[in-house]
Amino acid sequence: MISVETLDLGYFVRPAEEWGGDHDREEPVLAYVVRYPGGSLLFDSGLGEGSPETDAHYRPVRRALDVDVDLVVNCHLHFDHIGGNRALGRPVLVQRKELAAARAGGYTIDPLLDGVRYEEIDGERELAEGVRVVPTPGHTDGHQSLVLDHGDRVTVLAGQAYDFAGEFGRPYRPWLERLGELAGGRPARVLFAHDREVWEGVLPPPR
């Protein structure tokens, strides 16, 4: 049996000019504990610290992370997804191109990358029966999501593949067909990093 627990790790405030709106927008920072036969993982680990400039820009509010897992999977390596990586002391699974981009600089809060044991992958990987990493580039070239197969349905931990549930599937991205293939016509729930709403339906959405 595969279970998913949502963790609310705080929020940040995205300035209006950054998202093209007429007001600043508060965005939650969500992570997910996945437990499966023989192991457990954390998908994303919250808001990182270490940059006064970033804090002044985004005004983050952080909530403590208190979990015991075997592995961390980050959807990507921006500061708001990797804050607990070092403290957890677990291997962190990341796409090779994502880690290379982060290490090139100007990408995240650089010290957050240090002191972490990375396991780099290229493309998909099955972590356990029914637990699969799938590349979902768009927000970053090395972005990845998790597909959880419960038997009668699937759950997709989409990270920031889309910002909001209401946007899911638009614009169309080719990897949606892969998610649909894995779902095999079964009902799907899609959970996000910065939206508490859930997308439910059959994958992929129509183009």
C-alpha atoms as a PDB file:
ATOM      1  CA  MET A   1       0.000   0.000   0.000  1.00  0.00           C
ATOM      2  CA  ILE A   2       1.264   3.467  -0.919  1.00  0.00           C
ATOM      3  CA  SER A   3       0.224   6.427   1.231  1.00  0.00           C
ATOM      4  CA  VAL A   4       0.738  10.172   0.803  1.00  0.00           C
ATOM      5  CA  GLU A   5       0.807  12.748   3.602  1.00  0.00           C
ATOM      6  CA  THR A   6       0.813  16.476   2.836  1.00  0.00           C
ATOM      7  CA  LEU A   7       3.111  18.717   4.879  1.00  0.00           C
ATOM      8  CA  ASP A   8       2.479  22.470   5.071  1.00  0.00           C
ATOM      9  CA  LEU A   9       5.950  23.994   5.438  1.00  0.00           C
ATOM     10  CA  GLY A  10       4.963  27.666   5.314  1.00  0.00           C
ATOM     11  CA  TYR A  11       4.569  30.185   2.555  1.00  0.00           C
ATOM     12  CA  PHE A  12       6.214  33.039   0.675  1.00  0.00           C
ATOM     13  CA  VAL A  13       4.839  36.162  -0.948  1.00  0.00           C
ATOM     14  CA  ARG A  14       5.374  36.502  -4.694  1.00  0.00           C
ATOM     15  CA  PRO A  15       5.492  40.163  -5.777  1.00  0.00           C
ATOM     16  CA  ALA A  16       2.827  41.286  -8.235  1.00  0.00           C
ATOM     17  CA  GLU A  17       5.357  42.220 -10.904  1.00  0.00           C
ATOM     18  CA  GLU A  18       6.792  38.715 -10.813  1.00  0.00           C
ATOM     19  CA  TRP A  19       3.552  36.991 -11.799  1.00  0.00           C
ATOM     20  CA  GLY A  20       1.907  39.780 -13.786  1.00  0.00           C
ATOM     21  CA  GLY A  21      -0.929  40.501 -11.378  1.00  0.00           C
ATOM     22  CA  ASP A  22      -2.173  43.608  -9.594  1.00  0.00           C
ATOM     23  CA  HIS A  23      -1.317  42.435  -6.057  1.00  0.00           C
ATOM     24  CA  ASP A  24       1.268  40.375  -4.208  1.00  0.00           C
ATOM     25  CA  ARG A  25       0.339  36.705  -3.958  1.00  0.00           C
ATOM     26  CA  GLU A  26       0.832  34.389  -0.973  1.00  0.00           C
ATOM     27  CA  GLU A  27       1.914  30.927  -2.098  1.00  0.00           C
ATOM     28  CA  PRO A  28       1.996  27.871   0.187  1.00  0.00           C
ATOM     29  CA  VAL A  29       5.037  25.631   0.320  1.00  0.00           C
ATOM     30  CA  LEU A  30       3.884  22.022   0.364  1.00  0.00           C
ATOM     31  CA  ALA A  31       5.866  18.816   0.682  1.00  0.00           C
ATOM     32  CA  TYR A  32       4.741  15.202   0.649  1.00  0.00           C
ATOM     33  CA  VAL A  33       5.718  12.137   2.648  1.00  0.00           C
ATOM     34  CA  VAL A  34       5.282   8.963   0.627  1.00  0.00           C
ATOM     35  CA  ARG A  35       5.298   5.628   2.434  1.00  0.00           C
ATOM     36  CA  TYR A  36       5.415   2.364   0.510  1.00  0.00           C
ATOM     37  CA  PRO A  37       6.260  -1.250   1.345  1.00  0.00           C
ATOM     38  CA  GLY A  38       9.893  -1.294   2.385  1.00  0.00           C
ATOM     39  CA  GLY A  39      10.570   2.419   2.563  1.00  0.00           C
ATOM     40  CA  SER A  40       9.604   6.073   2.608  1.00  0.00           C
ATOM     41  CA  LEU A  41      10.558   9.312   0.912  1.00  0.00           C
ATOM     42  CA  LEU A  42      10.000  13.045   1.162  1.00  0.00           C
ATOM     43  CA  PHE A  43       9.069  14.937  -1.990  1.00  0.00           C
ATOM     44  CA  ASP A  44      10.547  18.427  -1.476  1.00  0.00           C
ATOM     45  CA  SER A  45      11.755  19.763   1.863  1.00  0.00           C
ATOM     46  CA  GLY A  46      10.633  23.357   2.298  1.00  0.00           C
ATOM     47  CA  LEU A  47      12.013  26.873   2.272  1.00  0.00           C
ATOM     48  CA  GLY A  48      15.763  27.240   2.531  1.00  0.00           C
ATOM     49  CA  GLU A  49      17.574  29.935   4.484  1.00  0.00           C
ATOM     50  CA  GLY A  50      20.806  31.803   3.947  1.00  0.00           C
ATOM     51  CA  SER A  51      20.013  34.803   1.760  1.00  0.00           C
ATOM     52  CA  PRO A  52      18.775  38.032   3.385  1.00  0.00           C
ATOM     53  CA  GLU A  53      18.072  39.431  -0.087  1.00  0.00           C
ATOM     54  CA  THR A  54      15.825  36.500  -0.951  1.00  0.00           C
ATOM     55  CA  ASP A  55      14.002  36.790   2.371  1.00  0.00           C
ATOM     56  CA  ALA A  56      13.438  40.519   1.846  1.00  0.00           C
ATOM     57  CA  HIS A  57      12.051  39.845  -1.622  1.00  0.00           C
ATOM     58  CA  TYR A  58       9.745  36.911  -0.771  1.00  0.00           C
ATOM     59  CA  ARG A  59       9.001  37.485   2.944  1.00  0.00           C
ATOM     60  CA  PRO A  60       8.912  33.742   3.712  1.00  0.00           C
ATOM     61  CA  VAL A  61       7.272  32.156   6.736  1.00  0.00           C
ATOM     62  CA  ARG A  62       8.824  28.783   7.529  1.00  0.00           C
ATOM     63  CA  ARG A  63       7.349  25.880   9.452  1.00  0.00           C
ATOM     64  CA  ALA A  64       9.476  23.176  11.016  1.00  0.00           C
ATOM     65  CA  LEU A  65      10.135  19.959   9.140  1.00  0.00           C
ATOM     66  CA  ASP A  66      10.035  16.898  11.398  1.00  0.00           C
ATOM     67  CA  VAL A  67      10.023  13.645   9.453  1.00  0.00           C
ATOM     68  CA  ASP A  68      12.016  10.423   9.296  1.00  0.00           C
ATOM     69  CA  VAL A  69      12.372   9.100   5.752  1.00  0.00           C
ATOM     70  CA  ASP A  70      14.837   7.039   3.738  1.00  0.00           C
ATOM     71  CA  LEU A  71      15.180   9.323   0.721  1.00  0.00           C
ATOM     72  CA  VAL A  72      14.487  12.860  -0.491  1.00  0.00           C
ATOM     73  CA  VAL A  73      13.253  13.604  -4.011  1.00  0.00           C
ATOM     74  CA  ASN A  74      13.300  17.252  -5.075  1.00  0.00           C
ATOM     75  CA  CYS A  75      11.156  18.300  -8.015  1.00  0.00           C
ATOM     76  CA  HIS A  76      13.852  20.909  -8.706  1.00  0.00           C
ATOM     77  CA  LEU A  77      16.525  22.784  -6.768  1.00  0.00           C
ATOM     78  CA  HIS A  78      15.138  26.289  -6.264  1.00  0.00           C
ATOM     79  CA  PHE A  79      15.474  27.471  -2.657  1.00  0.00           C
ATOM     80  CA  ASP A  80      11.808  26.949  -1.774  1.00  0.00           C
ATOM     81  CA  HIS A  81      12.004  23.186  -2.410  1.00  0.00           C
ATOM     82  CA  ILE A  82      15.325  22.177  -0.791  1.00  0.00           C
ATOM     83  CA  GLY A  83      15.420  23.847   2.619  1.00  0.00           C
ATOM     84  CA  GLY A  84      15.492  20.650   4.671  1.00  0.00           C
ATOM     85  CA  ASN A  85      17.835  18.568   2.524  1.00  0.00           C
ATOM     86  CA  ARG A  86      20.968  19.036   4.600  1.00  0.00           C
ATOM     87  CA  ALA A  87      19.303  18.605   7.980  1.00  0.00           C
ATOM     88  CA  LEU A  88      17.626  15.361   6.953  1.00  0.00           C
ATOM     89  CA  GLY A  89      20.959  13.823   6.012  1.00  0.00           C
ATOM     90  CA  ARG A  90      19.389  11.470   3.465  1.00  0.00           C
ATOM     91  CA  PRO A  91      20.330  10.872  -0.172  1.00  0.00           C
ATOM     92  CA  VAL A  92      18.680  13.370  -2.507  1.00  0.00           C
ATOM     93  CA  LEU A  93      17.509  12.116  -5.884  1.00  0.00           C
ATOM     94  CA  VAL A  94      17.788  14.717  -8.643  1.00  0.00           C
ATOM     95  CA  GLN A  95      18.044  14.860 -12.407  1.00  0.00           C
ATOM     96  CA  ARG A  96      21.653  15.268 -13.494  1.00  0.00           C
ATOM     97  CA  LYS A  97      20.888  18.332 -15.645  1.00  0.00           C
ATOM     98  CA  GLU A  98      19.070  19.992 -12.739  1.00  0.00           C
ATOM     99  CA  LEU A  99      22.036  19.645 -10.397  1.00  0.00           C
ATOM    100  CA  ALA A 100      24.399  20.914 -13.087  1.00  0.00           C
ATOM    101  CA  ALA A 101      22.235  23.995 -13.631  1.00  0.00           C
ATOM    102  CA  ALA A 102      22.036  24.688  -9.900  1.00  0.00           C
ATOM    103  CA  ARG A 103      25.785  24.345  -9.428  1.00  0.00           C
ATOM    104  CA  ALA A 104      26.439  26.755 -12.298  1.00  0.00           C
ATOM    105  CA  GLY A 105      25.284  29.607 -10.028  1.00  0.00           C
ATOM    106  CA  GLY A 106      22.581  32.261 -10.082  1.00  0.00           C
ATOM    107  CA  TYR A 107      19.928  29.579  -9.676  1.00  0.00           C
ATOM    108  CA  THR A 108      19.234  29.007  -6.000  1.00  0.00           C
ATOM    109  CA  ILE A 109      20.730  29.843  -2.596  1.00  0.00           C
ATOM    110  CA  ASP A 110      24.096  28.258  -3.303  1.00  0.00           C
ATOM    111  CA  PRO A 111      25.054  27.114   0.245  1.00  0.00           C
ATOM    112  CA  LEU A 112      21.909  24.975   0.349  1.00  0.00           C
ATOM    113  CA  LEU A 113      23.515  22.707  -2.239  1.00  0.00           C
ATOM    114  CA  ASP A 114      26.475  21.881  -0.017  1.00  0.00           C
ATOM    115  CA  GLY A 115      26.679  19.015   2.446  1.00  0.00           C
ATOM    116  CA  VAL A 116      24.096  16.933   0.572  1.00  0.00           C
ATOM    117  CA  ARG A 117      24.517  13.408  -0.830  1.00  0.00           C
ATOM    118  CA  TYR A 118      23.083  13.544  -4.326  1.00  0.00           C
ATOM    119  CA  GLU A 119      22.028  10.597  -6.421  1.00  0.00           C
ATOM    120  CA  GLU A 120      21.923  11.850  -9.993  1.00  0.00           C
ATOM    121  CA  ILE A 121      19.661  10.227 -12.566  1.00  0.00           C
ATOM    122  CA  ASP A 122      18.911  10.756 -16.232  1.00  0.00           C
ATOM    123  CA  GLY A 123      15.241  10.337 -17.041  1.00  0.00           C
ATOM    124  CA  GLU A 124      12.801   7.969 -15.376  1.00  0.00           C
ATOM    125  CA  ARG A 125      13.513   5.686 -12.463  1.00  0.00           C
ATOM    126  CA  GLU A 126      11.341   3.247 -10.545  1.00  0.00           C
ATOM    127  CA  LEU A 127      12.183   3.669  -6.857  1.00  0.00           C
ATOM    128  CA  ALA A 128       9.916   0.878  -5.621  1.00  0.00           C
ATOM    129  CA  GLU A 129       6.925  -0.989  -6.962  1.00  0.00           C
ATOM    130  CA  GLY A 130       4.410   1.696  -7.875  1.00  0.00           C
ATOM    131  CA  VAL A 131       6.751   4.622  -7.165  1.00  0.00           C
ATOM    132  CA  ARG A 132       8.294   6.202 -10.271  1.00  0.00           C
ATOM    133  CA  VAL A 133      10.220   9.394 -11.000  1.00  0.00           C
ATOM    134  CA  VAL A 134       9.225  10.977 -14.328  1.00  0.00           C
ATOM    135  CA  PRO A 135      10.933  14.015 -15.912  1.00  0.00           C
ATOM    136  CA  THR A 136       8.480  16.902 -16.324  1.00  0.00           C
ATOM    137  CA  PRO A 137      10.546  19.764 -17.771  1.00  0.00           C
ATOM    138  CA  GLY A 138       9.082  23.219 -18.131  1.00  0.00           C
ATOM    139  CA  HIS A 139       9.515  25.253 -14.975  1.00  0.00           C
ATOM    140  CA  THR A 140      13.141  24.122 -15.164  1.00  0.00           C
ATOM    141  CA  ASP A 141      14.808  21.836 -17.707  1.00  0.00           C
ATOM    142  CA  GLY A 142      15.546  19.275 -14.988  1.00  0.00           C
ATOM    143  CA  HIS A 143      12.179  19.327 -13.247  1.00  0.00           C
ATOM    144  CA  GLN A 144      10.805  15.937 -12.190  1.00  0.00           C
ATOM    145  CA  SER A 145       7.580  14.571 -10.701  1.00  0.00           C
ATOM    146  CA  LEU A 146       6.526  11.382  -8.911  1.00  0.00           C
ATOM    147  CA  VAL A 147       3.881   8.963 -10.153  1.00  0.00           C
ATOM    148  CA  LEU A 148       2.370   6.713  -7.481  1.00  0.00           C
ATOM    149  CA  ASP A 149       0.410   3.675  -8.627  1.00  0.00           C
ATOM    150  CA  HIS A 150      -2.204   2.611  -6.060  1.00  0.00           C
ATOM    151  CA  GLY A 151      -3.630  -0.112  -8.300  1.00  0.00           C
ATOM    152  CA  ASP A 152      -7.101   1.311  -8.897  1.00  0.00           C
ATOM    153  CA  ARG A 153      -5.855   4.887  -9.354  1.00  0.00           C
ATOM    154  CA  VAL A 154      -2.713   6.985  -9.546  1.00  0.00           C
ATOM    155  CA  THR A 155      -1.398  10.020  -7.700  1.00  0.00           C
ATOM    156  CA  VAL A 156       0.982  12.458  -9.363  1.00  0.00           C
ATOM    157  CA  LEU A 157       3.135  14.671  -7.176  1.00  0.00           C
ATOM    158  CA  ALA A 158       3.670  17.348  -9.787  1.00  0.00           C
ATOM    159  CA  GLY A 159       5.832  19.781  -7.851  1.00  0.00           C
ATOM    160  CA  GLN A 160       5.928  22.956  -9.923  1.00  0.00           C
ATOM    161  CA  ALA A 161       5.325  21.306 -13.282  1.00  0.00           C
ATOM    162  CA  TYR A 162       2.361  23.690 -13.240  1.00  0.00           C
ATOM    163  CA  ASP A 163       1.899  26.366 -10.609  1.00  0.00           C
ATOM    164  CA  PHE A 164      -1.786  25.739  -9.967  1.00  0.00           C
ATOM    165  CA  ALA A 165      -4.312  22.928 -10.290  1.00  0.00           C
ATOM    166  CA  GLY A 166      -6.467  25.125 -12.518  1.00  0.00           C
ATOM    167  CA  GLU A 167      -3.600  25.433 -15.005  1.00  0.00           C
ATOM    168  CA  PHE A 168      -2.807  21.734 -15.216  1.00  0.00           C
ATOM    169  CA  GLY A 169      -2.445  20.628 -18.819  1.00  0.00           C
ATOM    170  CA  ARG A 170      -2.273  24.164 -20.254  1.00  0.00           C
ATOM    171  CA  PRO A 171      -0.040  24.799 -22.049  1.00  0.00           C
ATOM    172  CA  TYR A 172       0.198  21.235 -23.259  1.00  0.00           C
ATOM    173  CA  ARG A 173       3.503  19.487 -22.565  1.00  0.00           C
ATOM    174  CA  PRO A 174       4.559  16.249 -24.266  1.00  0.00           C
ATOM    175  CA  TRP A 175       5.253  14.454 -20.980  1.00  0.00           C
ATOM    176  CA  LEU A 176       1.523  14.570 -20.191  1.00  0.00           C
ATOM    177  CA  GLU A 177       1.156  11.657 -22.600  1.00  0.00           C
ATOM    178  CA  ARG A 178       3.655   9.663 -20.534  1.00  0.00           C
ATOM    179  CA  LEU A 179       1.673  10.367 -17.368  1.00  0.00           C
ATOM    180  CA  GLY A 180      -1.437   9.212 -19.200  1.00  0.00           C
ATOM    181  CA  GLU A 181       0.321   6.041 -20.324  1.00  0.00           C
ATOM    182  CA  LEU A 182       1.328   5.251 -16.752  1.00  0.00           C
ATOM    183  CA  ALA A 183      -2.200   5.921 -15.508  1.00  0.00           C
ATOM    184  CA  GLY A 184      -3.688   3.653 -18.152  1.00  0.00           C
ATOM    185  CA  GLY A 185      -7.084   5.342 -18.118  1.00  0.00           C
ATOM    186  CA  ARG A 186      -7.518   5.082 -14.350  1.00  0.00           C
ATOM    187  CA  PRO A 187      -8.590   8.057 -12.205  1.00  0.00           C
ATOM    188  CA  ALA A 188      -5.752  10.362 -11.246  1.00  0.00           C
ATOM    189  CA  ARG A 189      -5.161  12.945  -8.525  1.00  0.00           C
ATOM    190  CA  VAL A 190      -2.453  15.563  -9.108  1.00  0.00           C
ATOM    191  CA  LEU A 191      -0.929  17.445  -6.167  1.00  0.00           C
ATOM    192  CA  PHE A 192       1.207  20.580  -6.389  1.00  0.00           C
ATOM    193  CA  ALA A 193       4.007  22.366  -4.558  1.00  0.00           C
ATOM    194  CA  HIS A 194       2.347  25.793  -4.320  1.00  0.00           C
ATOM    195  CA  ASP A 195      -1.384  25.067  -4.523  1.00  0.00           C
ATOM    196  CA  ARG A 196      -3.576  23.262  -1.999  1.00  0.00           C
ATOM    197  CA  GLU A 197      -6.155  22.528  -4.676  1.00  0.00           C
ATOM    198  CA  VAL A 198      -6.081  19.085  -6.302  1.00  0.00           C
ATOM    199  CA  TRP A 199      -6.587  18.283  -9.982  1.00  0.00           C
ATOM    200  CA  GLU A 200      -8.669  15.135 -10.517  1.00  0.00           C
ATOM    201  CA  GLY A 201      -9.505  13.448 -13.780  1.00  0.00           C
ATOM    202  CA  VAL A 202      -8.103  11.140 -16.446  1.00  0.00           C
ATOM    203  CA  LEU A 203      -4.626  11.784 -17.817  1.00  0.00           C
ATOM    204  CA  PRO A 204      -3.642  13.417 -20.038  1.00  0.00           C
ATOM    205  CA  PRO A 205      -5.984  16.395 -20.208  1.00  0.00           C
ATOM    206  CA  PRO A 206      -7.133  17.287 -23.736  1.00  0.00           C
ATOM    207  CA  ARG A 207      -4.807  19.517 -25.757  1.00  0.00           C
END
